[in-house]
Amino acid sequence: MRKIEAVKFKEQCLALLEELDFGGLIVTKRGEPVARVLPYQGDDADLIGSLRHKIEVRDDLMTTGSWRES
């Protein structure tokens, strides 16, 4: 999980929220954690189609076929 000082968080808040990943962000003051920022967990319906255009199927999913070792 990424850590950032509160002063820098304040300066870069909007940009940090745009790039927030599932691991979140810990905000610190004088090196001590004071807050954790996590992405909002939406409904499961948001997951439907969320990987569209992000994965590629290279073989026929409906057959068992032979496995190739790398």
N, C-alpha and C. Protein backbone atom coordinates (compact mmCIF):
# COMPACT_ATOMS: atom_id res chain seq x y z
N MET A 1 0.85 -1.18 0.00
CA MET A 1 0.00 0.00 0.00
C MET A 1 0.89 1.24 0.00
N ARG A 2 0.57 2.17 -0.83
CA ARG A 2 1.35 3.40 -0.99
C ARG A 2 1.09 4.37 0.16
N LYS A 3 2.14 5.07 0.60
CA LYS A 3 2.02 6.07 1.67
C LYS A 3 2.35 7.45 1.12
N ILE A 4 1.68 8.46 1.66
CA ILE A 4 1.93 9.84 1.24
C ILE A 4 1.68 10.77 2.42
N GLU A 5 2.51 11.81 2.54
CA GLU A 5 2.32 12.80 3.60
C GLU A 5 1.04 13.61 3.34
N ALA A 6 0.39 14.04 4.43
CA ALA A 6 -0.87 14.77 4.34
C ALA A 6 -0.74 16.03 3.49
N VAL A 7 0.38 16.74 3.61
CA VAL A 7 0.59 17.98 2.84
C VAL A 7 0.58 17.68 1.35
N LYS A 8 1.29 16.62 0.94
CA LYS A 8 1.32 16.26 -0.48
C LYS A 8 -0.05 15.74 -0.92
N PHE A 9 -0.73 15.01 -0.05
CA PHE A 9 -2.07 14.53 -0.38
C PHE A 9 -3.00 15.71 -0.66
N LYS A 10 -2.91 16.72 0.18
CA LYS A 10 -3.75 17.91 0.01
C LYS A 10 -3.47 18.59 -1.33
N GLU A 11 -2.20 18.70 -1.69
CA GLU A 11 -1.82 19.35 -2.95
C GLU A 11 -2.26 18.55 -4.18
N GLN A 12 -2.20 17.22 -4.08
CA GLN A 12 -2.41 16.36 -5.24
C GLN A 12 -3.67 15.51 -5.14
N CYS A 13 -4.58 15.88 -4.28
CA CYS A 13 -5.75 15.05 -3.96
C CYS A 13 -6.50 14.54 -5.20
N LEU A 14 -6.90 15.41 -6.08
CA LEU A 14 -7.69 14.99 -7.24
C LEU A 14 -6.93 14.04 -8.14
N ALA A 15 -5.67 14.31 -8.38
CA ALA A 15 -4.86 13.42 -9.22
C ALA A 15 -4.68 12.07 -8.55
N LEU A 16 -4.45 12.06 -7.24
CA LEU A 16 -4.28 10.80 -6.51
C LEU A 16 -5.55 9.96 -6.55
N LEU A 17 -6.70 10.59 -6.45
CA LEU A 17 -7.97 9.86 -6.51
C LEU A 17 -8.20 9.26 -7.90
N GLU A 18 -7.74 9.95 -8.92
CA GLU A 18 -7.89 9.44 -10.29
C GLU A 18 -7.09 8.17 -10.51
N GLU A 19 -5.91 8.06 -9.87
CA GLU A 19 -5.05 6.91 -10.09
C GLU A 19 -5.09 5.90 -8.94
N LEU A 20 -6.05 6.03 -8.06
CA LEU A 20 -6.19 5.14 -6.90
C LEU A 20 -6.44 3.71 -7.35
N ASP A 21 -5.61 2.78 -6.86
CA ASP A 21 -5.80 1.38 -7.22
C ASP A 21 -6.45 0.62 -6.06
N PHE A 22 -6.68 -0.68 -6.25
CA PHE A 22 -7.40 -1.47 -5.25
C PHE A 22 -6.67 -1.52 -3.90
N GLY A 23 -5.37 -1.29 -3.89
CA GLY A 23 -4.61 -1.34 -2.65
C GLY A 23 -4.82 -0.12 -1.76
N GLY A 24 -5.25 0.96 -2.35
CA GLY A 24 -5.52 2.16 -1.59
C GLY A 24 -4.28 3.00 -1.31
N LEU A 25 -4.42 3.89 -0.35
CA LEU A 25 -3.40 4.89 -0.05
C LEU A 25 -3.45 5.20 1.43
N ILE A 26 -2.30 5.28 2.09
CA ILE A 26 -2.24 5.66 3.50
C ILE A 26 -1.71 7.09 3.57
N VAL A 27 -2.45 7.94 4.27
CA VAL A 27 -2.04 9.34 4.46
C VAL A 27 -1.38 9.44 5.83
N THR A 28 -0.21 10.08 5.87
CA THR A 28 0.55 10.17 7.13
C THR A 28 0.77 11.62 7.52
N LYS A 29 0.97 11.83 8.83
CA LYS A 29 1.39 13.12 9.38
C LYS A 29 2.60 12.84 10.25
N ARG A 30 3.69 13.50 9.97
CA ARG A 30 4.94 13.30 10.71
C ARG A 30 5.31 11.82 10.76
N GLY A 31 5.06 11.11 9.66
CA GLY A 31 5.43 9.71 9.55
C GLY A 31 4.45 8.71 10.15
N GLU A 32 3.42 9.19 10.85
CA GLU A 32 2.42 8.32 11.47
C GLU A 32 1.16 8.26 10.62
N PRO A 33 0.62 7.07 10.37
CA PRO A 33 -0.61 6.97 9.58
C PRO A 33 -1.79 7.63 10.28
N VAL A 34 -2.55 8.42 9.52
CA VAL A 34 -3.74 9.08 10.07
C VAL A 34 -5.01 8.72 9.30
N ALA A 35 -4.85 8.24 8.07
CA ALA A 35 -6.04 7.90 7.27
C ALA A 35 -5.67 6.90 6.20
N ARG A 36 -6.67 6.14 5.78
CA ARG A 36 -6.50 5.22 4.65
C ARG A 36 -7.59 5.54 3.64
N VAL A 37 -7.20 5.73 2.40
CA VAL A 37 -8.13 6.03 1.32
C VAL A 37 -8.23 4.79 0.45
N LEU A 38 -9.43 4.25 0.33
CA LEU A 38 -9.68 3.06 -0.47
C LEU A 38 -10.68 3.37 -1.57
N PRO A 39 -10.59 2.69 -2.70
CA PRO A 39 -11.57 2.92 -3.76
C PRO A 39 -12.94 2.42 -3.33
N TYR A 40 -13.96 3.07 -3.82
CA TYR A 40 -15.33 2.68 -3.53
C TYR A 40 -15.62 1.33 -4.15
N GLN A 41 -16.22 0.43 -3.39
CA GLN A 41 -16.59 -0.89 -3.89
C GLN A 41 -18.03 -0.82 -4.39
N GLY A 42 -18.20 -0.80 -5.70
CA GLY A 42 -19.53 -0.72 -6.30
C GLY A 42 -20.27 -2.04 -6.24
N ASP A 43 -21.42 -2.06 -6.83
CA ASP A 43 -22.23 -3.27 -6.90
C ASP A 43 -21.53 -4.32 -7.75
N ASP A 44 -21.89 -5.59 -7.52
CA ASP A 44 -21.34 -6.66 -8.34
C ASP A 44 -21.71 -6.49 -9.81
N ALA A 45 -22.80 -5.81 -10.08
CA ALA A 45 -23.23 -5.59 -11.46
C ALA A 45 -22.17 -4.80 -12.23
N ASP A 46 -21.37 -4.01 -11.51
CA ASP A 46 -20.29 -3.26 -12.15
C ASP A 46 -19.22 -4.18 -12.73
N LEU A 47 -19.13 -5.40 -12.19
CA LEU A 47 -18.12 -6.35 -12.66
C LEU A 47 -18.46 -6.94 -14.03
N ILE A 48 -19.74 -6.98 -14.34
CA ILE A 48 -20.17 -7.57 -15.61
C ILE A 48 -19.61 -6.72 -16.75
N GLY A 49 -18.79 -7.34 -17.56
CA GLY A 49 -18.21 -6.64 -18.70
C GLY A 49 -17.02 -5.75 -18.37
N SER A 50 -16.58 -5.75 -17.11
CA SER A 50 -15.50 -4.85 -16.73
C SER A 50 -14.16 -5.21 -17.37
N LEU A 51 -13.99 -6.45 -17.81
CA LEU A 51 -12.74 -6.86 -18.45
C LEU A 51 -12.81 -6.81 -19.97
N ARG A 52 -13.94 -6.35 -20.50
CA ARG A 52 -14.08 -6.24 -21.94
C ARG A 52 -12.95 -5.37 -22.50
N HIS A 53 -12.33 -5.82 -23.54
CA HIS A 53 -11.21 -5.14 -24.20
C HIS A 53 -9.93 -5.15 -23.36
N LYS A 54 -9.89 -5.90 -22.26
CA LYS A 54 -8.69 -5.98 -21.43
C LYS A 54 -8.07 -7.37 -21.45
N ILE A 55 -8.83 -8.39 -21.88
CA ILE A 55 -8.28 -9.73 -21.99
C ILE A 55 -8.51 -10.24 -23.40
N GLU A 56 -7.72 -11.20 -23.77
CA GLU A 56 -7.83 -11.76 -25.11
C GLU A 56 -7.89 -13.28 -25.00
N VAL A 57 -8.88 -13.89 -25.62
CA VAL A 57 -9.01 -15.34 -25.65
C VAL A 57 -8.36 -15.81 -26.94
N ARG A 58 -7.36 -16.69 -26.81
CA ARG A 58 -6.61 -17.13 -27.98
C ARG A 58 -6.96 -18.54 -28.43
N ASP A 59 -7.86 -19.21 -27.75
CA ASP A 59 -8.20 -20.57 -28.10
C ASP A 59 -9.71 -20.74 -27.90
N ASP A 60 -10.20 -21.91 -28.23
CA ASP A 60 -11.61 -22.20 -28.08
C ASP A 60 -11.90 -22.55 -26.62
N LEU A 61 -12.73 -21.78 -25.97
CA LEU A 61 -13.05 -22.02 -24.56
C LEU A 61 -13.92 -23.26 -24.34
N MET A 62 -14.57 -23.71 -25.37
CA MET A 62 -15.53 -24.80 -25.23
C MET A 62 -14.89 -26.19 -25.40
N THR A 63 -13.61 -26.28 -25.73
CA THR A 63 -12.95 -27.56 -25.86
C THR A 63 -11.84 -27.69 -24.83
N THR A 64 -11.54 -28.93 -24.47
CA THR A 64 -10.48 -29.14 -23.49
C THR A 64 -9.11 -29.03 -24.13
N GLY A 65 -8.98 -29.42 -25.38
CA GLY A 65 -7.72 -29.27 -26.12
C GLY A 65 -6.53 -29.80 -25.37
N SER A 66 -5.38 -29.64 -25.92
CA SER A 66 -4.16 -30.06 -25.24
C SER A 66 -3.47 -28.83 -24.69
N TRP A 67 -2.94 -28.97 -23.49
CA TRP A 67 -2.23 -27.87 -22.85
C TRP A 67 -0.81 -27.80 -23.37
N ARG A 68 -0.38 -26.61 -23.60
CA ARG A 68 0.99 -26.39 -24.06
C ARG A 68 1.82 -25.87 -22.90
N GLU A 69 2.98 -26.49 -22.69
CA GLU A 69 3.85 -26.01 -21.64
C GLU A 69 4.78 -24.94 -22.19
N SER A 70 5.06 -23.97 -21.36
CA SER A 70 5.95 -22.87 -21.78
C SER A 70 7.40 -23.27 -21.60
